[in-house]
Amino acid sequence: MPGTLLAKTYPTADEWRKLVTMFSPTAIAHKLLLAHIPYVFRDEPLKFALFRRIMADAFKVEPSSVFIVGSAMAGRSLKGAKIDQVYSPKSDIDTLIVSEHLFARYVMDSLTWLRDATMPKFEKGKKPQSPTVEPEVAKHMNWLSMHACKGIWRPDSLPPAAEVRNRFFNTFADVSLKTLGLQLSEDTVARVNGRIARSFEDAVDDLAASIHRLRREFEGEELAPEELVEPPPEEAGIPKTKPPK
């Protein structure tokens, strides 16, 4: 749509306030995922192609299955209270991988943690005794199932000790050290974070839900309790990585 806000590559905070009222969340989500180079690579589109290739090789998918979301894509936070906060090289590059195979694999591997967390106690001659599920464990069970039911696997939905979470983050940490593709300044290498979507449609729906929530935040509408139950930022990150000397 030439000449419209939907065609603008990196809207300002004020333009976002107008954009979310003029177009459907799904239309905006499609535009963000498909129509432009992510903000983080705006001056070096070749690095975006290289980034996709590095990620694709690491997870054995096609480069076209790799997307960037979040502030690294839009150029600013897409949270209502933080909409004026512009992307910084110190922020994460939030990566989305669309792969039904990877989604199924990581969900199944997550069940290993769930199995261990809920393993009954077996004693000879007695019925198996199910353990008491602590609130901290129940919280992660809910996060894992809530996102998986939407076709999204998020490592931050699992506790820090979960093997599959650490394996996933370690792969991203390795990618972060490939400075040819990720170095954004002479002394800064961005961290790479990520999630997996079962399908492109699930990825669009996930992003559209965030945009719909953004519009409601702008309108001052109170969010439902379940919309507020998300892994907090401090549980979502991976250790900062620096380029090898």
C-alpha atoms as a PDB file:
ATOM      1  CA  MET A   1       0.000   0.000   0.000  1.00  0.00           C
ATOM      2  CA  PRO A   2       2.207   2.881  -1.244  1.00  0.00           C
ATOM      3  CA  GLY A   3       1.884   6.083   0.698  1.00  0.00           C
ATOM      4  CA  THR A   4       0.379   4.424   3.764  1.00  0.00           C
ATOM      5  CA  LEU A   5       1.840   3.802   7.181  1.00  0.00           C
ATOM      6  CA  LEU A   6       1.836   0.081   6.413  1.00  0.00           C
ATOM      7  CA  ALA A   7       4.419   0.771   3.709  1.00  0.00           C
ATOM      8  CA  LYS A   8       6.745   2.645   6.072  1.00  0.00           C
ATOM      9  CA  THR A   9       9.787   0.543   6.862  1.00  0.00           C
ATOM     10  CA  TYR A  10      10.501   1.571  10.458  1.00  0.00           C
ATOM     11  CA  PRO A  11       7.597   3.560  11.955  1.00  0.00           C
ATOM     12  CA  THR A  12       8.235   6.011  14.780  1.00  0.00           C
ATOM     13  CA  ALA A  13       6.524   5.612  18.135  1.00  0.00           C
ATOM     14  CA  ASP A  14       3.780   8.073  17.143  1.00  0.00           C
ATOM     15  CA  GLU A  15       3.336   6.308  13.796  1.00  0.00           C
ATOM     16  CA  TRP A  16       2.940   2.987  15.614  1.00  0.00           C
ATOM     17  CA  ARG A  17       0.149   4.494  17.679  1.00  0.00           C
ATOM     18  CA  LYS A  18      -1.669   5.315  14.438  1.00  0.00           C
ATOM     19  CA  LEU A  19      -0.639   2.162  12.576  1.00  0.00           C
ATOM     20  CA  VAL A  20      -2.257  -0.265  15.004  1.00  0.00           C
ATOM     21  CA  THR A  21      -5.607   1.525  14.700  1.00  0.00           C
ATOM     22  CA  MET A  22      -5.565   1.686  10.894  1.00  0.00           C
ATOM     23  CA  PHE A  23      -4.624  -1.885   9.978  1.00  0.00           C
ATOM     24  CA  SER A  24      -5.351  -5.347  11.304  1.00  0.00           C
ATOM     25  CA  PRO A  25      -2.723  -7.014  13.513  1.00  0.00           C
ATOM     26  CA  THR A  26      -2.440  -9.818  10.952  1.00  0.00           C
ATOM     27  CA  ALA A  27      -1.681  -7.400   8.101  1.00  0.00           C
ATOM     28  CA  ILE A  28       0.985  -5.684  10.187  1.00  0.00           C
ATOM     29  CA  ALA A  29       2.480  -9.047  11.203  1.00  0.00           C
ATOM     30  CA  HIS A  30       2.745 -10.155   7.559  1.00  0.00           C
ATOM     31  CA  LYS A  31       4.381  -6.864   6.654  1.00  0.00           C
ATOM     32  CA  LEU A  32       6.935  -7.059   9.462  1.00  0.00           C
ATOM     33  CA  LEU A  33       7.883 -10.673   8.736  1.00  0.00           C
ATOM     34  CA  LEU A  34       8.023 -10.505   4.957  1.00  0.00           C
ATOM     35  CA  ALA A  35       8.307  -6.985   3.589  1.00  0.00           C
ATOM     36  CA  HIS A  36      11.564  -5.451   4.758  1.00  0.00           C
ATOM     37  CA  ILE A  37      15.079  -5.890   6.102  1.00  0.00           C
ATOM     38  CA  PRO A  38      15.034  -5.980   9.934  1.00  0.00           C
ATOM     39  CA  TYR A  39      16.109  -2.731  11.569  1.00  0.00           C
ATOM     40  CA  VAL A  40      19.219  -4.307  13.077  1.00  0.00           C
ATOM     41  CA  PHE A  41      20.588  -4.968   9.560  1.00  0.00           C
ATOM     42  CA  ARG A  42      19.042  -1.926   7.849  1.00  0.00           C
ATOM     43  CA  ASP A  43      22.401  -0.535   6.673  1.00  0.00           C
ATOM     44  CA  GLU A  44      23.914  -3.906   5.757  1.00  0.00           C
ATOM     45  CA  PRO A  45      21.292  -6.163   4.135  1.00  0.00           C
ATOM     46  CA  LEU A  46      24.006  -8.604   3.088  1.00  0.00           C
ATOM     47  CA  LYS A  47      24.612  -9.346   6.761  1.00  0.00           C
ATOM     48  CA  PHE A  48      20.947 -10.265   7.140  1.00  0.00           C
ATOM     49  CA  ALA A  49      21.360 -12.846   4.380  1.00  0.00           C
ATOM     50  CA  LEU A  50      24.510 -14.131   6.077  1.00  0.00           C
ATOM     51  CA  PHE A  51      22.753 -14.200   9.454  1.00  0.00           C
ATOM     52  CA  ARG A  52      19.956 -16.332   7.997  1.00  0.00           C
ATOM     53  CA  ARG A  53      22.480 -18.705   6.444  1.00  0.00           C
ATOM     54  CA  ILE A  54      24.406 -19.076   9.725  1.00  0.00           C
ATOM     55  CA  MET A  55      21.204 -19.748  11.664  1.00  0.00           C
ATOM     56  CA  ALA A  56      19.937 -22.152   9.004  1.00  0.00           C
ATOM     57  CA  ASP A  57      23.179 -24.134   9.095  1.00  0.00           C
ATOM     58  CA  ALA A  58      23.131 -24.271  12.902  1.00  0.00           C
ATOM     59  CA  PHE A  59      19.593 -25.665  13.034  1.00  0.00           C
ATOM     60  CA  LYS A  60      19.587 -27.522   9.692  1.00  0.00           C
ATOM     61  CA  VAL A  61      16.726 -25.577   8.102  1.00  0.00           C
ATOM     62  CA  GLU A  62      16.425 -23.392   5.005  1.00  0.00           C
ATOM     63  CA  PRO A  63      17.480 -19.714   5.313  1.00  0.00           C
ATOM     64  CA  SER A  64      13.957 -18.726   4.261  1.00  0.00           C
ATOM     65  CA  SER A  65      12.716 -20.314   7.510  1.00  0.00           C
ATOM     66  CA  VAL A  66      14.676 -17.831   9.645  1.00  0.00           C
ATOM     67  CA  PHE A  67      13.121 -14.510  10.683  1.00  0.00           C
ATOM     68  CA  ILE A  68      13.925 -11.720  13.112  1.00  0.00           C
ATOM     69  CA  VAL A  69      11.198 -10.413  15.426  1.00  0.00           C
ATOM     70  CA  GLY A  70      11.004  -8.015  18.367  1.00  0.00           C
ATOM     71  CA  SER A  71      12.825  -4.695  18.607  1.00  0.00           C
ATOM     72  CA  ALA A  72      15.635  -5.876  16.302  1.00  0.00           C
ATOM     73  CA  MET A  73      12.997  -6.197  13.567  1.00  0.00           C
ATOM     74  CA  ALA A  74      10.889  -3.103  14.246  1.00  0.00           C
ATOM     75  CA  GLY A  75      13.613  -0.783  15.481  1.00  0.00           C
ATOM     76  CA  ARG A  76      11.883  -0.203  18.810  1.00  0.00           C
ATOM     77  CA  SER A  77      10.186  -2.055  21.616  1.00  0.00           C
ATOM     78  CA  LEU A  78       6.665  -3.182  20.766  1.00  0.00           C
ATOM     79  CA  LYS A  79       5.485  -2.909  24.363  1.00  0.00           C
ATOM     80  CA  GLY A  80       3.094  -0.029  24.957  1.00  0.00           C
ATOM     81  CA  ALA A  81       4.980   1.464  27.907  1.00  0.00           C
ATOM     82  CA  LYS A  82       8.326   1.147  26.078  1.00  0.00           C
ATOM     83  CA  ILE A  83       7.310   2.152  22.537  1.00  0.00           C
ATOM     84  CA  ASP A  84       9.697   5.142  22.641  1.00  0.00           C
ATOM     85  CA  GLN A  85      12.625   2.837  23.417  1.00  0.00           C
ATOM     86  CA  VAL A  86      14.728   2.486  20.247  1.00  0.00           C
ATOM     87  CA  TYR A  87      16.676  -0.689  19.492  1.00  0.00           C
ATOM     88  CA  SER A  88      20.217  -0.699  20.841  1.00  0.00           C
ATOM     89  CA  PRO A  89      23.148  -2.893  19.740  1.00  0.00           C
ATOM     90  CA  LYS A  90      23.213  -4.086  23.352  1.00  0.00           C
ATOM     91  CA  SER A  91      19.766  -5.645  22.893  1.00  0.00           C
ATOM     92  CA  ASP A  92      19.117  -9.216  21.808  1.00  0.00           C
ATOM     93  CA  ILE A  93      18.435 -10.228  18.242  1.00  0.00           C
ATOM     94  CA  ASP A  94      15.197 -12.165  18.701  1.00  0.00           C
ATOM     95  CA  THR A  95      15.149 -14.916  16.105  1.00  0.00           C
ATOM     96  CA  LEU A  96      12.178 -16.964  14.943  1.00  0.00           C
ATOM     97  CA  ILE A  97      12.693 -20.288  13.180  1.00  0.00           C
ATOM     98  CA  VAL A  98       9.712 -21.743  11.327  1.00  0.00           C
ATOM     99  CA  SER A  99       9.985 -25.527  11.223  1.00  0.00           C
ATOM    100  CA  GLU A 100       7.411 -28.175  12.050  1.00  0.00           C
ATOM    101  CA  HIS A 101      10.218 -30.705  12.477  1.00  0.00           C
ATOM    102  CA  LEU A 102      12.167 -28.545  14.944  1.00  0.00           C
ATOM    103  CA  PHE A 103       9.001 -27.614  16.808  1.00  0.00           C
ATOM    104  CA  ALA A 104       8.051 -31.267  17.295  1.00  0.00           C
ATOM    105  CA  ARG A 105      11.586 -32.202  18.322  1.00  0.00           C
ATOM    106  CA  TYR A 106      11.945 -29.477  20.945  1.00  0.00           C
ATOM    107  CA  VAL A 107       8.466 -30.017  22.341  1.00  0.00           C
ATOM    108  CA  MET A 108       9.193 -33.744  22.652  1.00  0.00           C
ATOM    109  CA  ASP A 109      12.565 -33.035  24.271  1.00  0.00           C
ATOM    110  CA  SER A 110      10.803 -30.677  26.695  1.00  0.00           C
ATOM    111  CA  LEU A 111       8.669 -33.626  27.798  1.00  0.00           C
ATOM    112  CA  THR A 112      11.844 -35.170  29.219  1.00  0.00           C
ATOM    113  CA  TRP A 113      11.989 -32.318  31.729  1.00  0.00           C
ATOM    114  CA  LEU A 114       8.255 -32.676  32.376  1.00  0.00           C
ATOM    115  CA  ARG A 115       8.636 -36.430  32.923  1.00  0.00           C
ATOM    116  CA  ASP A 116      11.422 -35.936  35.448  1.00  0.00           C
ATOM    117  CA  ALA A 117       9.568 -33.133  37.233  1.00  0.00           C
ATOM    118  CA  THR A 118       6.447 -35.275  37.702  1.00  0.00           C
ATOM    119  CA  MET A 119       8.033 -38.709  38.174  1.00  0.00           C
ATOM    120  CA  PRO A 120       6.024 -40.730  40.719  1.00  0.00           C
ATOM    121  CA  LYS A 121       7.792 -42.413  43.617  1.00  0.00           C
ATOM    122  CA  PHE A 122       7.761 -46.202  43.264  1.00  0.00           C
ATOM    123  CA  GLU A 123       7.987 -48.467  46.305  1.00  0.00           C
ATOM    124  CA  LYS A 124       7.600 -52.216  46.277  1.00  0.00           C
ATOM    125  CA  GLY A 125       4.115 -53.316  47.256  1.00  0.00           C
ATOM    126  CA  LYS A 126       2.708 -49.781  47.195  1.00  0.00           C
ATOM    127  CA  LYS A 127       0.872 -47.706  44.636  1.00  0.00           C
ATOM    128  CA  PRO A 128       3.013 -45.107  42.829  1.00  0.00           C
ATOM    129  CA  GLN A 129       2.948 -41.800  44.714  1.00  0.00           C
ATOM    130  CA  SER A 130       2.805 -38.690  42.538  1.00  0.00           C
ATOM    131  CA  PRO A 131       5.026 -35.875  43.794  1.00  0.00           C
ATOM    132  CA  THR A 132       3.708 -32.525  44.955  1.00  0.00           C
ATOM    133  CA  VAL A 133       4.241 -30.072  42.123  1.00  0.00           C
ATOM    134  CA  GLU A 134       5.861 -26.933  43.467  1.00  0.00           C
ATOM    135  CA  PRO A 135       4.518 -23.558  42.252  1.00  0.00           C
ATOM    136  CA  GLU A 136       7.774 -22.821  40.426  1.00  0.00           C
ATOM    137  CA  VAL A 137       7.476 -26.066  38.463  1.00  0.00           C
ATOM    138  CA  ALA A 138       3.775 -25.551  37.778  1.00  0.00           C
ATOM    139  CA  LYS A 139       4.579 -22.088  36.408  1.00  0.00           C
ATOM    140  CA  HIS A 140       6.917 -23.516  33.792  1.00  0.00           C
ATOM    141  CA  MET A 141       4.481 -26.294  32.939  1.00  0.00           C
ATOM    142  CA  ASN A 142       1.887 -23.655  32.164  1.00  0.00           C
ATOM    143  CA  TRP A 143       4.249 -21.510  30.093  1.00  0.00           C
ATOM    144  CA  LEU A 144       5.408 -24.525  28.091  1.00  0.00           C
ATOM    145  CA  SER A 145       1.915 -25.813  27.340  1.00  0.00           C
ATOM    146  CA  MET A 146       0.420 -22.355  26.760  1.00  0.00           C
ATOM    147  CA  HIS A 147       2.880 -21.517  24.000  1.00  0.00           C
ATOM    148  CA  ALA A 148       3.036 -25.032  22.538  1.00  0.00           C
ATOM    149  CA  CYS A 149      -0.756 -25.012  22.110  1.00  0.00           C
ATOM    150  CA  LYS A 150      -0.281 -21.919  19.941  1.00  0.00           C
ATOM    151  CA  GLY A 151       2.375 -23.624  17.840  1.00  0.00           C
ATOM    152  CA  ILE A 152       5.297 -21.831  19.493  1.00  0.00           C
ATOM    153  CA  TRP A 153       8.188 -23.377  21.443  1.00  0.00           C
ATOM    154  CA  ARG A 154      10.023 -20.930  23.697  1.00  0.00           C
ATOM    155  CA  PRO A 155      13.142 -21.952  25.641  1.00  0.00           C
ATOM    156  CA  ASP A 156      12.370 -19.377  28.329  1.00  0.00           C
ATOM    157  CA  SER A 157       9.201 -21.301  29.174  1.00  0.00           C
ATOM    158  CA  LEU A 158      11.447 -23.954  30.743  1.00  0.00           C
ATOM    159  CA  PRO A 159      13.443 -23.599  33.989  1.00  0.00           C
ATOM    160  CA  PRO A 160      17.166 -22.753  33.732  1.00  0.00           C
ATOM    161  CA  ALA A 161      18.175 -26.323  34.648  1.00  0.00           C
ATOM    162  CA  ALA A 162      16.280 -27.946  31.755  1.00  0.00           C
ATOM    163  CA  GLU A 163      18.733 -29.627  29.377  1.00  0.00           C
ATOM    164  CA  VAL A 164      16.810 -28.781  26.206  1.00  0.00           C
ATOM    165  CA  ARG A 165      16.668 -25.095  27.136  1.00  0.00           C
ATOM    166  CA  ASN A 166      20.428 -24.975  27.685  1.00  0.00           C
ATOM    167  CA  ARG A 167      21.128 -26.881  24.475  1.00  0.00           C
ATOM    168  CA  PHE A 168      19.035 -24.396  22.499  1.00  0.00           C
ATOM    169  CA  PHE A 169      20.638 -21.342  24.126  1.00  0.00           C
ATOM    170  CA  ASN A 170      24.120 -22.802  23.660  1.00  0.00           C
ATOM    171  CA  THR A 171      23.490 -23.083  19.929  1.00  0.00           C
ATOM    172  CA  PHE A 172      22.524 -19.418  19.840  1.00  0.00           C
ATOM    173  CA  ALA A 173      25.565 -18.489  21.931  1.00  0.00           C
ATOM    174  CA  ASP A 174      27.778 -20.217  19.371  1.00  0.00           C
ATOM    175  CA  VAL A 175      26.080 -18.292  16.580  1.00  0.00           C
ATOM    176  CA  SER A 176      26.577 -15.017  18.478  1.00  0.00           C
ATOM    177  CA  LEU A 177      30.337 -15.527  18.266  1.00  0.00           C
ATOM    178  CA  LYS A 178      30.297 -15.574  14.463  1.00  0.00           C
ATOM    179  CA  THR A 179      31.239 -11.896  14.312  1.00  0.00           C
ATOM    180  CA  LEU A 180      31.249 -11.686  10.513  1.00  0.00           C
ATOM    181  CA  GLY A 181      27.484 -11.867  10.491  1.00  0.00           C
ATOM    182  CA  LEU A 182      26.547 -10.313  13.831  1.00  0.00           C
ATOM    183  CA  GLN A 183      29.055  -7.586  14.659  1.00  0.00           C
ATOM    184  CA  LEU A 184      27.110  -4.338  14.809  1.00  0.00           C
ATOM    185  CA  SER A 185      29.951  -2.040  15.862  1.00  0.00           C
ATOM    186  CA  GLU A 186      33.649  -2.300  16.573  1.00  0.00           C
ATOM    187  CA  ASP A 187      33.203  -3.385  20.174  1.00  0.00           C
ATOM    188  CA  THR A 188      29.713  -4.876  20.370  1.00  0.00           C
ATOM    189  CA  VAL A 189      28.393  -8.255  19.362  1.00  0.00           C
ATOM    190  CA  ALA A 190      24.662  -8.694  19.837  1.00  0.00           C
ATOM    191  CA  ARG A 191      23.268 -11.642  21.727  1.00  0.00           C
ATOM    192  CA  VAL A 192      20.991 -13.905  19.746  1.00  0.00           C
ATOM    193  CA  ASN A 193      17.832 -15.272  21.322  1.00  0.00           C
ATOM    194  CA  GLY A 194      15.073 -17.285  19.736  1.00  0.00           C
ATOM    195  CA  ARG A 195      11.956 -19.398  19.508  1.00  0.00           C
ATOM    196  CA  ILE A 196      10.496 -21.962  17.107  1.00  0.00           C
ATOM    197  CA  ALA A 197       7.154 -21.782  15.311  1.00  0.00           C
ATOM    198  CA  ARG A 198       5.378 -24.889  14.034  1.00  0.00           C
ATOM    199  CA  SER A 199       4.296 -23.079  10.842  1.00  0.00           C
ATOM    200  CA  PHE A 200       4.420 -19.645   9.241  1.00  0.00           C
ATOM    201  CA  GLU A 201       0.734 -19.225  10.087  1.00  0.00           C
ATOM    202  CA  ASP A 202       1.505 -19.867  13.764  1.00  0.00           C
ATOM    203  CA  ALA A 203       4.334 -17.314  13.584  1.00  0.00           C
ATOM    204  CA  VAL A 204       1.983 -14.711  12.095  1.00  0.00           C
ATOM    205  CA  ASP A 205      -0.671 -15.429  14.722  1.00  0.00           C
ATOM    206  CA  ASP A 206       1.904 -15.097  17.527  1.00  0.00           C
ATOM    207  CA  LEU A 207       3.177 -11.756  16.242  1.00  0.00           C
ATOM    208  CA  ALA A 208      -0.359 -10.533  15.477  1.00  0.00           C
ATOM    209  CA  ALA A 209      -1.373 -11.304  19.081  1.00  0.00           C
ATOM    210  CA  SER A 210       1.490  -9.090  20.315  1.00  0.00           C
ATOM    211  CA  ILE A 211       0.417  -6.281  17.996  1.00  0.00           C
ATOM    212  CA  HIS A 212      -3.203  -6.621  19.105  1.00  0.00           C
ATOM    213  CA  ARG A 213      -2.031  -6.381  22.704  1.00  0.00           C
ATOM    214  CA  LEU A 214       0.013  -3.286  21.790  1.00  0.00           C
ATOM    215  CA  ARG A 215      -3.103  -1.605  20.399  1.00  0.00           C
ATOM    216  CA  ARG A 216      -5.025  -2.393  23.559  1.00  0.00           C
ATOM    217  CA  GLU A 217      -2.184  -0.981  25.663  1.00  0.00           C
ATOM    218  CA  PHE A 218      -2.302   2.241  23.638  1.00  0.00           C
ATOM    219  CA  GLU A 219      -6.032   2.424  24.248  1.00  0.00           C
ATOM    220  CA  GLY A 220      -5.509   2.002  27.977  1.00  0.00           C
ATOM    221  CA  GLU A 221      -7.394  -1.290  28.056  1.00  0.00           C
ATOM    222  CA  GLU A 222      -6.602  -3.586  30.957  1.00  0.00           C
ATOM    223  CA  LEU A 223      -5.019  -6.854  29.853  1.00  0.00           C
ATOM    224  CA  ALA A 224      -6.493 -10.170  30.921  1.00  0.00           C
ATOM    225  CA  PRO A 225      -4.566 -12.032  33.674  1.00  0.00           C
ATOM    226  CA  GLU A 226      -3.467 -14.786  31.274  1.00  0.00           C
ATOM    227  CA  GLU A 227      -1.920 -12.172  28.980  1.00  0.00           C
ATOM    228  CA  LEU A 228       0.285 -10.994  31.799  1.00  0.00           C
ATOM    229  CA  VAL A 229       1.602 -14.471  32.595  1.00  0.00           C
ATOM    230  CA  GLU A 230       4.732 -14.518  30.459  1.00  0.00           C
ATOM    231  CA  PRO A 231       8.320 -15.523  31.179  1.00  0.00           C
ATOM    232  CA  PRO A 232       9.886 -12.352  32.639  1.00  0.00           C
ATOM    233  CA  PRO A 233      12.778 -10.754  30.705  1.00  0.00           C
ATOM    234  CA  GLU A 234      15.361 -11.814  33.285  1.00  0.00           C
ATOM    235  CA  GLU A 235      14.490 -15.460  32.643  1.00  0.00           C
ATOM    236  CA  ALA A 236      14.534 -15.169  28.876  1.00  0.00           C
ATOM    237  CA  GLY A 237      18.097 -14.152  28.127  1.00  0.00           C
ATOM    238  CA  ILE A 238      21.343 -15.976  27.535  1.00  0.00           C
ATOM    239  CA  PRO A 239      24.756 -14.951  28.837  1.00  0.00           C
ATOM    240  CA  LYS A 240      26.340 -12.095  26.949  1.00  0.00           C
ATOM    241  CA  THR A 241      28.956 -13.284  24.501  1.00  0.00           C
ATOM    242  CA  LYS A 242      32.022 -11.514  23.219  1.00  0.00           C
ATOM    243  CA  PRO A 243      34.019 -12.118  20.069  1.00  0.00           C
ATOM    244  CA  PRO A 244      37.149 -14.219  20.431  1.00  0.00           C
ATOM    245  CA  LYS A 245      40.398 -12.265  20.516  1.00  0.00           C
END
